[in-house]
Every structure is written in C-alpha cells, then in structure tokens.
Amino acid sequence: MGQAAETGRHSSQIAASGGPSFALALGGGGARGLAHLHVIEVLDELGIRPRVIAGSSIGALMGAGLAAGITGKEIHAHARAILESRAEVASRLWRARPGNLSEMVEGGFRFGQFNAERIIKAFLPAAVPATFEELKIPLRVTATDYFGHELAVLDRGPLGQALAASAAIPAVFRPVVRNGRTLIDGGIYNPVPFDLVEGEADILIAIDVVGAPTDTGGKAPTSIELMFGASQLMMQSIIAMKLSQRHPDILIRPPVSRFRVLDFLKIDAILAETASIRDELKYAIDKAVAAHGRQEKAGA
C-alpha cells in the first residue's frame, strides 16, 4: 500500500477513535489563499473538526466558512461558481457599488479604495452568519489597528465587518472603522496567526500562503508589483521571527509564489498547482497523531 493511501487509512480513524483535538490557523495571502480549500476539504475527509480557528485576511474568510459549519466541498463549489465566471464576479462587484453619491464620497473620495464591507458581503456564502456568536466553532480574526500601532484580534460582534477589516489590503480597500479603531489588513501584523490558538488543542495546524516575489525573467517589476512584493517580504520576516520562538505542530506552505495577490480569476491554476498539499497534510497529520499517541502512552 502506498504512503498516501496508508496515511489516509490511518488518519480517517482519527475522529472515530476519539483522537487528539486540533486547532487551525489559516494565513493571509489574497488569491493565494484559495489553496486553503484543499486544507478544509482534507480535514472534512479525515473527520477532523477544529476546536478553534484563527484566520488572517483570506484565511479569515475561509475560516469563517468552516466555523459556520459549511463543508469544504460547499466552500469549494461556492468559490468556483463565482471565480470561474468573469460575468459573475462583475455582477457581484456591481452589487457592491455605493448606493448613492454621498456614500461614494463619504470620508473623502479615494481612487482605487473599495468598500471592503460591501465587497465581502457580496461574495460570502449566505450560510455565514452575521455575528461571531452564531458560529459553530470559535473564530479569531486578525486586523491591524492603524493608529493604535498594534494587532487587533476580533472574536465577537459583527462578523462581516471583522472579515472586511482583516482583508482590507491598503491601496485596494479603504480601512474599516470598528469601535473607533481604524483597521486594515490583518496580515501586516500577523500573517499566519497560529500563536492566537497555541495551546488550545493537542495538535496545531498552520497554513502559510504568503509566498514570495518571483523572478520575472529580467523584466523590471511594476510599482504595484514592488508594493505587493515588499509586503510579502515583510510578512515573511514576521513569520520567520515567530517560528524562531515557537512552532506549530504542522506547518504547510503551498507553492503559491508565482500567483499575485489579486489573481482570484486563476482559481483553476492555483488549485492545480497546490493540489500536492492534500497528501502532504494527510501525512503530516498522521505523523502528528502518532507522536501524540506516543506522548500519551509515555505519560500514562
């Protein structure tokens, strides 16, 4: 029997045998975070229901779907139904437009800064509830307090607003004001928020989809590419510093670097390129479960 099949056979017994508990941290990375779909589907296949979830940016959006009780296949189908059709994307963006001129210029007209709350509402599955309190699994969402110069962890109250704050990429979305705080992209302070759920389950899984700038074959990067690439480098330095101090039990890094932060219409290519993490994750879970079992026996 092959390694992948053997891994699947063992891991599929986790839920049925009352095995260890799991915590999940889904990182930010824009369209690169579509790779999280593989992770959620694998957890479903293995019967693993995380005890707690932390998410940053796209990871917060994916985590909200999982925390709401939506299956991986349903989240996957929802994403494909929208992102495989330019017409559907355009339709939802049109629905997210400002209702009137006063709303358009509220706080000053800003070219290129979309209302993140409207966009998120237009694209989220209908089954995602309005508040954190209605979720079936506790969820912690990261955002960056722009004027407070600190990480903001959101875990109660209006959910859509929190998800919008976490995904509010500067120069793309305008900041979200929540309880008097001006909030932007959670990935700026905590790109892979595994530390927010550390110690709350037997096994901690973290998924890093930040990626890194790739060589353009001698072609000079554009100003936009430089801005987003510099942001990737900054986030990777934050992740490296965190990993030097603590480490999740499982860390998966899908091969996403060749995709850009707004490449959502490339969903097929992203999922095809990152499909290998399904077996990688199954094997890592099997190994972590076995290690946990040995530790329990040693401590008995």
C-alpha atoms as a PDB file:
ATOM      1  CA  MET A   1       0.000   0.000   0.000  1.00  0.00           C
ATOM      2  CA  GLY A   2       1.361   3.464  -0.926  1.00  0.00           C
ATOM      3  CA  GLN A   3       2.232   6.110   1.653  1.00  0.00           C
ATOM      4  CA  ALA A   4      -0.711   8.362   0.740  1.00  0.00           C
ATOM      5  CA  ALA A   5      -3.209   5.504   0.924  1.00  0.00           C
ATOM      6  CA  GLU A   6      -1.760   4.260   4.207  1.00  0.00           C
ATOM      7  CA  THR A   7      -1.856   7.781   5.604  1.00  0.00           C
ATOM      8  CA  GLY A   8      -5.469   8.228   4.568  1.00  0.00           C
ATOM      9  CA  ARG A   9      -6.417   4.873   6.129  1.00  0.00           C
ATOM     10  CA  HIS A  10      -4.841   5.784   9.467  1.00  0.00           C
ATOM     11  CA  SER A  11      -5.972   9.409   9.560  1.00  0.00           C
ATOM     12  CA  SER A  12      -9.551   8.585   8.659  1.00  0.00           C
ATOM     13  CA  GLN A  13      -9.799   6.834  12.008  1.00  0.00           C
ATOM     14  CA  ILE A  14      -8.946   9.977  13.999  1.00  0.00           C
ATOM     15  CA  ALA A  15     -12.482  11.218  14.604  1.00  0.00           C
ATOM     16  CA  ALA A  16     -13.957   7.748  15.127  1.00  0.00           C
ATOM     17  CA  SER A  17     -11.333   6.728  17.677  1.00  0.00           C
ATOM     18  CA  GLY A  18     -11.683   9.841  19.834  1.00  0.00           C
ATOM     19  CA  GLY A  19      -8.217  11.011  18.853  1.00  0.00           C
ATOM     20  CA  PRO A  20      -6.455  14.276  19.618  1.00  0.00           C
ATOM     21  CA  SER A  21      -8.047  17.704  19.235  1.00  0.00           C
ATOM     22  CA  PHE A  22      -6.967  20.187  16.566  1.00  0.00           C
ATOM     23  CA  ALA A  23      -6.569  23.951  16.239  1.00  0.00           C
ATOM     24  CA  LEU A  24      -6.240  25.584  12.825  1.00  0.00           C
ATOM     25  CA  ALA A  25      -4.552  28.819  11.686  1.00  0.00           C
ATOM     26  CA  LEU A  26      -5.167  29.951   8.115  1.00  0.00           C
ATOM     27  CA  GLY A  27      -2.805  32.630   6.834  1.00  0.00           C
ATOM     28  CA  GLY A  28      -3.314  35.634   4.594  1.00  0.00           C
ATOM     29  CA  GLY A  29      -2.162  35.998   1.007  1.00  0.00           C
ATOM     30  CA  GLY A  30      -5.024  37.199  -1.162  1.00  0.00           C
ATOM     31  CA  ALA A  31      -5.830  34.874  -4.055  1.00  0.00           C
ATOM     32  CA  ARG A  32      -3.008  32.564  -2.969  1.00  0.00           C
ATOM     33  CA  GLY A  33      -5.261  31.659  -0.045  1.00  0.00           C
ATOM     34  CA  LEU A  34      -7.530  29.720  -2.391  1.00  0.00           C
ATOM     35  CA  ALA A  35      -5.138  26.878  -1.524  1.00  0.00           C
ATOM     36  CA  HIS A  36      -6.910  26.782   1.852  1.00  0.00           C
ATOM     37  CA  LEU A  37      -9.737  24.990   0.048  1.00  0.00           C
ATOM     38  CA  HIS A  38      -7.546  21.870  -0.126  1.00  0.00           C
ATOM     39  CA  VAL A  39      -6.886  22.063   3.610  1.00  0.00           C
ATOM     40  CA  ILE A  40     -10.547  22.388   4.577  1.00  0.00           C
ATOM     41  CA  GLU A  41     -11.547  19.515   2.296  1.00  0.00           C
ATOM     42  CA  VAL A  42      -8.828  17.261   3.728  1.00  0.00           C
ATOM     43  CA  LEU A  43      -9.982  17.986   7.281  1.00  0.00           C
ATOM     44  CA  ASP A  44     -13.505  17.058   6.230  1.00  0.00           C
ATOM     45  CA  GLU A  45     -12.272  13.824   4.641  1.00  0.00           C
ATOM     46  CA  LEU A  46     -10.498  12.876   7.856  1.00  0.00           C
ATOM     47  CA  GLY A  47     -13.444  13.776  10.052  1.00  0.00           C
ATOM     48  CA  ILE A  48     -11.453  16.494  11.819  1.00  0.00           C
ATOM     49  CA  ARG A  49     -13.420  19.392  13.260  1.00  0.00           C
ATOM     50  CA  PRO A  50     -11.059  22.033  14.664  1.00  0.00           C
ATOM     51  CA  ARG A  51     -11.671  23.099  18.252  1.00  0.00           C
ATOM     52  CA  VAL A  52     -10.764  26.699  17.402  1.00  0.00           C
ATOM     53  CA  ILE A  53      -9.774  28.599  14.238  1.00  0.00           C
ATOM     54  CA  ALA A  54      -7.648  31.706  13.693  1.00  0.00           C
ATOM     55  CA  GLY A  55      -7.511  33.481  10.362  1.00  0.00           C
ATOM     56  CA  SER A  56      -5.858  36.431   8.691  1.00  0.00           C
ATOM     57  CA  SER A  57      -7.251  38.142   5.574  1.00  0.00           C
ATOM     58  CA  ILE A  58      -8.267  35.410   3.066  1.00  0.00           C
ATOM     59  CA  GLY A  59      -7.623  32.903   5.852  1.00  0.00           C
ATOM     60  CA  ALA A  60     -10.234  34.663   7.988  1.00  0.00           C
ATOM     61  CA  LEU A  61     -12.773  34.401   5.163  1.00  0.00           C
ATOM     62  CA  MET A  62     -12.097  30.692   4.642  1.00  0.00           C
ATOM     63  CA  GLY A  63     -12.077  30.136   8.391  1.00  0.00           C
ATOM     64  CA  ALA A  64     -15.460  31.836   8.722  1.00  0.00           C
ATOM     65  CA  GLY A  65     -16.976  29.390   6.256  1.00  0.00           C
ATOM     66  CA  LEU A  66     -15.524  26.415   8.140  1.00  0.00           C
ATOM     67  CA  ALA A  67     -16.547  27.866  11.515  1.00  0.00           C
ATOM     68  CA  ALA A  68     -20.081  28.369  10.208  1.00  0.00           C
ATOM     69  CA  GLY A  69     -20.380  24.636   9.543  1.00  0.00           C
ATOM     70  CA  ILE A  70     -20.110  24.833   5.758  1.00  0.00           C
ATOM     71  CA  THR A  71     -18.343  21.796   4.297  1.00  0.00           C
ATOM     72  CA  GLY A  72     -15.138  22.047   2.322  1.00  0.00           C
ATOM     73  CA  LYS A  73     -16.909  20.851  -0.827  1.00  0.00           C
ATOM     74  CA  GLU A  74     -19.573  23.538  -0.401  1.00  0.00           C
ATOM     75  CA  ILE A  75     -16.993  26.299   0.101  1.00  0.00           C
ATOM     76  CA  HIS A  76     -15.067  24.997  -2.906  1.00  0.00           C
ATOM     77  CA  ALA A  77     -18.206  24.920  -5.068  1.00  0.00           C
ATOM     78  CA  HIS A  78     -19.164  28.445  -3.968  1.00  0.00           C
ATOM     79  CA  ALA A  79     -15.719  29.808  -4.852  1.00  0.00           C
ATOM     80  CA  ARG A  80     -15.672  28.111  -8.261  1.00  0.00           C
ATOM     81  CA  ALA A  81     -19.209  29.218  -9.118  1.00  0.00           C
ATOM     82  CA  ILE A  82     -18.119  32.829  -8.693  1.00  0.00           C
ATOM     83  CA  LEU A  83     -14.463  32.934  -9.719  1.00  0.00           C
ATOM     84  CA  GLU A  84     -14.724  30.780 -12.845  1.00  0.00           C
ATOM     85  CA  SER A  85     -17.099  33.350 -14.335  1.00  0.00           C
ATOM     86  CA  ARG A  86     -15.928  36.893 -15.035  1.00  0.00           C
ATOM     87  CA  ALA A  87     -19.580  37.848 -15.511  1.00  0.00           C
ATOM     88  CA  GLU A  88     -20.463  36.588 -12.022  1.00  0.00           C
ATOM     89  CA  VAL A  89     -17.535  38.455 -10.462  1.00  0.00           C
ATOM     90  CA  ALA A  90     -18.557  41.628 -12.303  1.00  0.00           C
ATOM     91  CA  SER A  91     -22.172  41.203 -11.210  1.00  0.00           C
ATOM     92  CA  ARG A  92     -21.238  40.893  -7.551  1.00  0.00           C
ATOM     93  CA  LEU A  93     -18.866  43.847  -7.750  1.00  0.00           C
ATOM     94  CA  TRP A  94     -21.682  45.884  -9.298  1.00  0.00           C
ATOM     95  CA  ARG A  95     -23.970  44.946  -6.414  1.00  0.00           C
ATOM     96  CA  ALA A  96     -21.251  46.131  -4.015  1.00  0.00           C
ATOM     97  CA  ARG A  97     -21.142  49.619  -5.539  1.00  0.00           C
ATOM     98  CA  PRO A  98     -22.046  52.639  -3.372  1.00  0.00           C
ATOM     99  CA  GLY A  99     -25.775  53.244  -3.104  1.00  0.00           C
ATOM    100  CA  ASN A 100     -25.538  56.966  -3.809  1.00  0.00           C
ATOM    101  CA  LEU A 101     -23.079  59.814  -4.381  1.00  0.00           C
ATOM    102  CA  SER A 102     -22.884  60.824  -0.715  1.00  0.00           C
ATOM    103  CA  GLU A 103     -21.899  57.283   0.240  1.00  0.00           C
ATOM    104  CA  MET A 104     -19.326  57.252  -2.575  1.00  0.00           C
ATOM    105  CA  VAL A 105     -17.550  60.344  -1.243  1.00  0.00           C
ATOM    106  CA  GLU A 106     -18.073  59.599   2.445  1.00  0.00           C
ATOM    107  CA  GLY A 107     -14.794  60.319   4.206  1.00  0.00           C
ATOM    108  CA  GLY A 108     -13.367  61.790   1.003  1.00  0.00           C
ATOM    109  CA  PHE A 109     -13.198  60.271  -2.462  1.00  0.00           C
ATOM    110  CA  ARG A 110     -10.347  57.770  -2.726  1.00  0.00           C
ATOM    111  CA  PHE A 111      -9.464  56.408  -6.127  1.00  0.00           C
ATOM    112  CA  GLY A 112      -8.824  52.668  -6.023  1.00  0.00           C
ATOM    113  CA  GLN A 113     -10.070  52.154  -2.468  1.00  0.00           C
ATOM    114  CA  PHE A 114     -13.159  49.963  -2.472  1.00  0.00           C
ATOM    115  CA  ASN A 115     -15.532  49.468   0.426  1.00  0.00           C
ATOM    116  CA  ALA A 116     -14.320  46.173   1.890  1.00  0.00           C
ATOM    117  CA  GLU A 117     -17.522  45.553   3.853  1.00  0.00           C
ATOM    118  CA  ARG A 118     -19.672  45.766   0.733  1.00  0.00           C
ATOM    119  CA  ILE A 119     -17.303  43.550  -1.262  1.00  0.00           C
ATOM    120  CA  ILE A 120     -17.134  40.886   1.457  1.00  0.00           C
ATOM    121  CA  LYS A 121     -20.910  40.849   1.838  1.00  0.00           C
ATOM    122  CA  ALA A 122     -21.349  40.403  -1.910  1.00  0.00           C
ATOM    123  CA  PHE A 123     -19.010  37.399  -2.084  1.00  0.00           C
ATOM    124  CA  LEU A 124     -19.536  35.499   1.199  1.00  0.00           C
ATOM    125  CA  PRO A 125     -21.751  32.379   1.209  1.00  0.00           C
ATOM    126  CA  ALA A 126     -25.239  33.092   2.539  1.00  0.00           C
ATOM    127  CA  ALA A 127     -24.724  30.498   5.301  1.00  0.00           C
ATOM    128  CA  VAL A 128     -22.047  32.620   7.008  1.00  0.00           C
ATOM    129  CA  PRO A 129     -23.871  34.287   9.938  1.00  0.00           C
ATOM    130  CA  ALA A 130     -23.952  37.948  10.878  1.00  0.00           C
ATOM    131  CA  THR A 131     -22.109  37.602  14.198  1.00  0.00           C
ATOM    132  CA  PHE A 132     -19.249  35.638  15.747  1.00  0.00           C
ATOM    133  CA  GLU A 133     -21.630  34.378  18.409  1.00  0.00           C
ATOM    134  CA  GLU A 134     -23.625  32.417  15.804  1.00  0.00           C
ATOM    135  CA  LEU A 135     -20.614  30.437  14.565  1.00  0.00           C
ATOM    136  CA  LYS A 136     -20.355  26.735  15.398  1.00  0.00           C
ATOM    137  CA  ILE A 137     -16.584  26.882  16.010  1.00  0.00           C
ATOM    138  CA  PRO A 138     -14.823  29.776  17.810  1.00  0.00           C
ATOM    139  CA  LEU A 139     -13.055  32.043  15.324  1.00  0.00           C
ATOM    140  CA  ARG A 140     -10.366  34.661  15.911  1.00  0.00           C
ATOM    141  CA  VAL A 141      -9.793  37.185  13.159  1.00  0.00           C
ATOM    142  CA  THR A 142      -6.735  39.405  12.873  1.00  0.00           C
ATOM    143  CA  ALA A 143      -6.666  43.030  11.772  1.00  0.00           C
ATOM    144  CA  THR A 144      -4.116  45.817  12.124  1.00  0.00           C
ATOM    145  CA  ASP A 145      -5.017  48.841  14.233  1.00  0.00           C
ATOM    146  CA  TYR A 146      -3.541  51.554  12.016  1.00  0.00           C
ATOM    147  CA  PHE A 147      -3.442  54.421  14.513  1.00  0.00           C
ATOM    148  CA  GLY A 148      -3.090  52.155  17.551  1.00  0.00           C
ATOM    149  CA  HIS A 149       0.061  50.595  16.013  1.00  0.00           C
ATOM    150  CA  GLU A 150      -0.889  47.114  17.148  1.00  0.00           C
ATOM    151  CA  LEU A 151      -2.560  43.830  16.303  1.00  0.00           C
ATOM    152  CA  ALA A 152      -6.324  43.724  16.734  1.00  0.00           C
ATOM    153  CA  VAL A 153      -7.883  40.322  17.452  1.00  0.00           C
ATOM    154  CA  LEU A 154     -11.605  40.275  16.672  1.00  0.00           C
ATOM    155  CA  ASP A 155     -13.759  37.461  18.047  1.00  0.00           C
ATOM    156  CA  ARG A 156     -17.157  38.898  18.890  1.00  0.00           C
ATOM    157  CA  GLY A 157     -19.839  41.131  17.433  1.00  0.00           C
ATOM    158  CA  PRO A 158     -20.430  41.781  13.704  1.00  0.00           C
ATOM    159  CA  LEU A 159     -18.608  39.106  11.703  1.00  0.00           C
ATOM    160  CA  GLY A 160     -18.761  40.622   8.218  1.00  0.00           C
ATOM    161  CA  GLN A 161     -17.220  43.856   9.428  1.00  0.00           C
ATOM    162  CA  ALA A 162     -14.372  41.953  11.116  1.00  0.00           C
ATOM    163  CA  LEU A 163     -13.691  39.906   7.969  1.00  0.00           C
ATOM    164  CA  ALA A 164     -13.655  43.099   5.904  1.00  0.00           C
ATOM    165  CA  ALA A 165     -11.149  44.679   8.290  1.00  0.00           C
ATOM    166  CA  SER A 166      -8.896  41.625   8.135  1.00  0.00           C
ATOM    167  CA  ALA A 167      -8.948  41.664   4.317  1.00  0.00           C
ATOM    168  CA  ALA A 168      -8.607  45.446   3.876  1.00  0.00           C
ATOM    169  CA  ILE A 169      -5.418  45.461   1.791  1.00  0.00           C
ATOM    170  CA  PRO A 170      -4.031  49.024   1.699  1.00  0.00           C
ATOM    171  CA  ALA A 171      -4.434  50.805  -1.666  1.00  0.00           C
ATOM    172  CA  VAL A 172      -7.129  48.297  -2.647  1.00  0.00           C
ATOM    173  CA  PHE A 173      -9.698  48.662   0.144  1.00  0.00           C
ATOM    174  CA  ARG A 174     -10.412  51.589   2.394  1.00  0.00           C
ATOM    175  CA  PRO A 175      -9.884  50.960   6.135  1.00  0.00           C
ATOM    176  CA  VAL A 176     -12.729  49.651   8.273  1.00  0.00           C
ATOM    177  CA  VAL A 177     -13.699  51.696  11.341  1.00  0.00           C
ATOM    178  CA  ARG A 178     -14.844  49.422  14.176  1.00  0.00           C
ATOM    179  CA  ASN A 179     -15.436  50.627  17.731  1.00  0.00           C
ATOM    180  CA  GLY A 180     -13.484  53.794  17.000  1.00  0.00           C
ATOM    181  CA  ARG A 181     -10.442  51.924  15.666  1.00  0.00           C
ATOM    182  CA  THR A 182      -9.214  52.277  12.082  1.00  0.00           C
ATOM    183  CA  LEU A 183      -8.437  48.748  10.920  1.00  0.00           C
ATOM    184  CA  ILE A 184      -6.560  47.411   7.891  1.00  0.00           C
ATOM    185  CA  ASP A 185      -5.216  44.070   6.615  1.00  0.00           C
ATOM    186  CA  GLY A 186      -4.520  41.629   9.442  1.00  0.00           C
ATOM    187  CA  GLY A 187      -1.594  40.102   7.541  1.00  0.00           C
ATOM    188  CA  ILE A 188       0.501  43.192   8.162  1.00  0.00           C
ATOM    189  CA  TYR A 189       0.924  42.327  11.842  1.00  0.00           C
ATOM    190  CA  ASN A 190       0.202  38.599  11.897  1.00  0.00           C
ATOM    191  CA  PRO A 191       0.265  36.816   8.519  1.00  0.00           C
ATOM    192  CA  VAL A 192      -0.146  33.286   9.959  1.00  0.00           C
ATOM    193  CA  PRO A 193      -1.837  33.670  13.366  1.00  0.00           C
ATOM    194  CA  PHE A 194      -1.028  30.281  14.886  1.00  0.00           C
ATOM    195  CA  ASP A 195       0.044  31.954  18.136  1.00  0.00           C
ATOM    196  CA  LEU A 196      -3.573  33.040  18.742  1.00  0.00           C
ATOM    197  CA  VAL A 197      -4.687  29.425  19.213  1.00  0.00           C
ATOM    198  CA  GLU A 198      -1.484  27.923  20.583  1.00  0.00           C
ATOM    199  CA  GLY A 199      -2.045  25.544  23.496  1.00  0.00           C
ATOM    200  CA  GLU A 200      -5.795  25.254  22.904  1.00  0.00           C
ATOM    201  CA  ALA A 201      -5.697  21.835  21.241  1.00  0.00           C
ATOM    202  CA  ASP A 202      -3.435  18.797  21.100  1.00  0.00           C
ATOM    203  CA  ILE A 203      -2.279  19.469  17.523  1.00  0.00           C
ATOM    204  CA  LEU A 204      -1.902  22.891  15.900  1.00  0.00           C
ATOM    205  CA  ILE A 205      -2.019  23.168  12.092  1.00  0.00           C
ATOM    206  CA  ALA A 206      -0.822  26.370  10.384  1.00  0.00           C
ATOM    207  CA  ILE A 207      -1.048  27.188   6.681  1.00  0.00           C
ATOM    208  CA  ASP A 208       1.246  29.845   5.191  1.00  0.00           C
ATOM    209  CA  VAL A 209       0.144  31.215   1.796  1.00  0.00           C
ATOM    210  CA  VAL A 210       2.116  34.475   1.813  1.00  0.00           C
ATOM    211  CA  GLY A 211       4.562  33.353  -0.878  1.00  0.00           C
ATOM    212  CA  ALA A 212       7.474  35.499  -2.065  1.00  0.00           C
ATOM    213  CA  PRO A 213       8.331  37.635  -5.095  1.00  0.00           C
ATOM    214  CA  THR A 214       9.403  35.542  -8.085  1.00  0.00           C
ATOM    215  CA  ASP A 215      11.884  36.366 -10.835  1.00  0.00           C
ATOM    216  CA  THR A 216      10.135  37.991 -13.791  1.00  0.00           C
ATOM    217  CA  GLY A 217      12.797  36.862 -16.240  1.00  0.00           C
ATOM    218  CA  GLY A 218      14.726  40.095 -16.340  1.00  0.00           C
ATOM    219  CA  LYS A 219      11.651  42.290 -16.681  1.00  0.00           C
ATOM    220  CA  ALA A 220      11.580  45.103 -14.133  1.00  0.00           C
ATOM    221  CA  PRO A 221       8.666  44.782 -11.680  1.00  0.00           C
ATOM    222  CA  THR A 222       5.977  47.434 -11.858  1.00  0.00           C
ATOM    223  CA  SER A 223       5.277  49.825  -8.987  1.00  0.00           C
ATOM    224  CA  ILE A 224       2.268  47.718  -7.947  1.00  0.00           C
ATOM    225  CA  GLU A 225       4.311  44.503  -8.090  1.00  0.00           C
ATOM    226  CA  LEU A 226       7.026  46.137  -5.987  1.00  0.00           C
ATOM    227  CA  MET A 227       4.476  47.277  -3.407  1.00  0.00           C
ATOM    228  CA  PHE A 228       2.889  43.852  -3.031  1.00  0.00           C
ATOM    229  CA  GLY A 229       6.258  42.077  -3.238  1.00  0.00           C
ATOM    230  CA  ALA A 230       7.708  44.258  -0.484  1.00  0.00           C
ATOM    231  CA  SER A 231       4.655  43.425   1.610  1.00  0.00           C
ATOM    232  CA  GLN A 232       5.338  39.700   1.068  1.00  0.00           C
ATOM    233  CA  LEU A 233       8.936  40.103   2.206  1.00  0.00           C
ATOM    234  CA  MET A 234       7.815  41.968   5.310  1.00  0.00           C
ATOM    235  CA  MET A 235       5.282  39.273   6.161  1.00  0.00           C
ATOM    236  CA  GLN A 236       7.825  36.505   5.640  1.00  0.00           C
ATOM    237  CA  SER A 237      10.206  38.232   8.051  1.00  0.00           C
ATOM    238  CA  ILE A 238       7.421  38.349  10.654  1.00  0.00           C
ATOM    239  CA  ILE A 239       6.673  34.650  10.142  1.00  0.00           C
ATOM    240  CA  ALA A 240      10.384  33.750  10.396  1.00  0.00           C
ATOM    241  CA  MET A 241      10.694  35.657  13.666  1.00  0.00           C
ATOM    242  CA  LYS A 242       7.644  33.884  15.105  1.00  0.00           C
ATOM    243  CA  LEU A 243       8.932  30.483  14.023  1.00  0.00           C
ATOM    244  CA  SER A 244      12.257  31.164  15.747  1.00  0.00           C
ATOM    245  CA  GLN A 245      10.363  31.436  19.042  1.00  0.00           C
ATOM    246  CA  ARG A 246       7.643  28.807  18.649  1.00  0.00           C
ATOM    247  CA  HIS A 247       6.475  26.382  16.006  1.00  0.00           C
ATOM    248  CA  PRO A 248       3.108  24.821  15.154  1.00  0.00           C
ATOM    249  CA  ASP A 249       2.926  21.036  15.124  1.00  0.00           C
ATOM    250  CA  ILE A 250       2.174  21.132  11.412  1.00  0.00           C
ATOM    251  CA  LEU A 251       3.201  23.912   9.025  1.00  0.00           C
ATOM    252  CA  ILE A 252       2.150  23.656   5.392  1.00  0.00           C
ATOM    253  CA  ARG A 253       3.420  26.079   2.742  1.00  0.00           C
ATOM    254  CA  PRO A 254       1.646  25.580  -0.602  1.00  0.00           C
ATOM    255  CA  PRO A 255       3.626  26.525  -3.757  1.00  0.00           C
ATOM    256  CA  VAL A 256       1.842  29.814  -4.431  1.00  0.00           C
ATOM    257  CA  SER A 257       4.621  32.320  -5.086  1.00  0.00           C
ATOM    258  CA  ARG A 258       4.011  32.666  -8.826  1.00  0.00           C
ATOM    259  CA  PHE A 259       0.494  33.939  -8.212  1.00  0.00           C
ATOM    260  CA  ARG A 260      -0.323  37.548  -7.375  1.00  0.00           C
ATOM    261  CA  VAL A 261      -2.463  38.740  -4.512  1.00  0.00           C
ATOM    262  CA  LEU A 262      -5.432  39.608  -6.761  1.00  0.00           C
ATOM    263  CA  ASP A 263      -5.245  36.570  -9.096  1.00  0.00           C
ATOM    264  CA  PHE A 264      -8.627  35.257  -7.961  1.00  0.00           C
ATOM    265  CA  LEU A 265      -9.755  34.502 -11.515  1.00  0.00           C
ATOM    266  CA  LYS A 266      -6.870  31.986 -11.733  1.00  0.00           C
ATOM    267  CA  ILE A 267      -8.621  29.671  -9.282  1.00  0.00           C
ATOM    268  CA  ASP A 268      -8.150  26.607 -11.507  1.00  0.00           C
ATOM    269  CA  ALA A 269      -4.403  27.186 -11.859  1.00  0.00           C
ATOM    270  CA  ILE A 270      -3.939  27.911  -8.157  1.00  0.00           C
ATOM    271  CA  LEU A 271      -5.800  24.785  -7.073  1.00  0.00           C
ATOM    272  CA  ALA A 272      -3.989  22.618  -9.618  1.00  0.00           C
ATOM    273  CA  GLU A 273      -0.572  23.942  -8.577  1.00  0.00           C
ATOM    274  CA  THR A 274      -1.253  23.394  -4.872  1.00  0.00           C
ATOM    275  CA  ALA A 275      -3.074  20.041  -5.017  1.00  0.00           C
ATOM    276  CA  SER A 276       0.017  18.246  -3.673  1.00  0.00           C
ATOM    277  CA  ILE A 277      -0.572  19.694  -0.210  1.00  0.00           C
ATOM    278  CA  ARG A 278      -3.523  17.354   0.241  1.00  0.00           C
ATOM    279  CA  ASP A 279      -1.279  14.309   0.646  1.00  0.00           C
ATOM    280  CA  GLU A 280       1.355  16.399   2.433  1.00  0.00           C
ATOM    281  CA  LEU A 281      -1.220  17.445   5.038  1.00  0.00           C
ATOM    282  CA  LYS A 282      -2.603  13.919   5.449  1.00  0.00           C
ATOM    283  CA  TYR A 283       0.883  12.561   6.033  1.00  0.00           C
ATOM    284  CA  ALA A 284       1.722  15.352   8.500  1.00  0.00           C
ATOM    285  CA  ILE A 285      -1.496  14.755  10.436  1.00  0.00           C
ATOM    286  CA  ASP A 286      -0.851  11.018  10.582  1.00  0.00           C
ATOM    287  CA  LYS A 287       2.669  11.657  11.882  1.00  0.00           C
ATOM    288  CA  ALA A 288       1.471  14.199  14.468  1.00  0.00           C
ATOM    289  CA  VAL A 289      -1.299  11.889  15.689  1.00  0.00           C
ATOM    290  CA  ALA A 290       1.195   9.032  16.094  1.00  0.00           C
ATOM    291  CA  ALA A 291       3.581  11.305  18.027  1.00  0.00           C
ATOM    292  CA  HIS A 292       0.743  12.454  20.270  1.00  0.00           C
ATOM    293  CA  GLY A 293      -0.205   8.843  20.948  1.00  0.00           C
ATOM    294  CA  ARG A 294       3.348   8.002  21.976  1.00  0.00           C
ATOM    295  CA  GLN A 295       3.479  11.013  24.305  1.00  0.00           C
ATOM    296  CA  GLU A 296       0.221   9.975  25.969  1.00  0.00           C
ATOM    297  CA  LYS A 297       1.485   6.429  26.487  1.00  0.00           C
ATOM    298  CA  ALA A 298       4.764   7.701  27.912  1.00  0.00           C
ATOM    299  CA  GLY A 299       2.902   9.949  30.315  1.00  0.00           C
ATOM    300  CA  ALA A 300       0.426   7.282  31.428  1.00  0.00           C
END
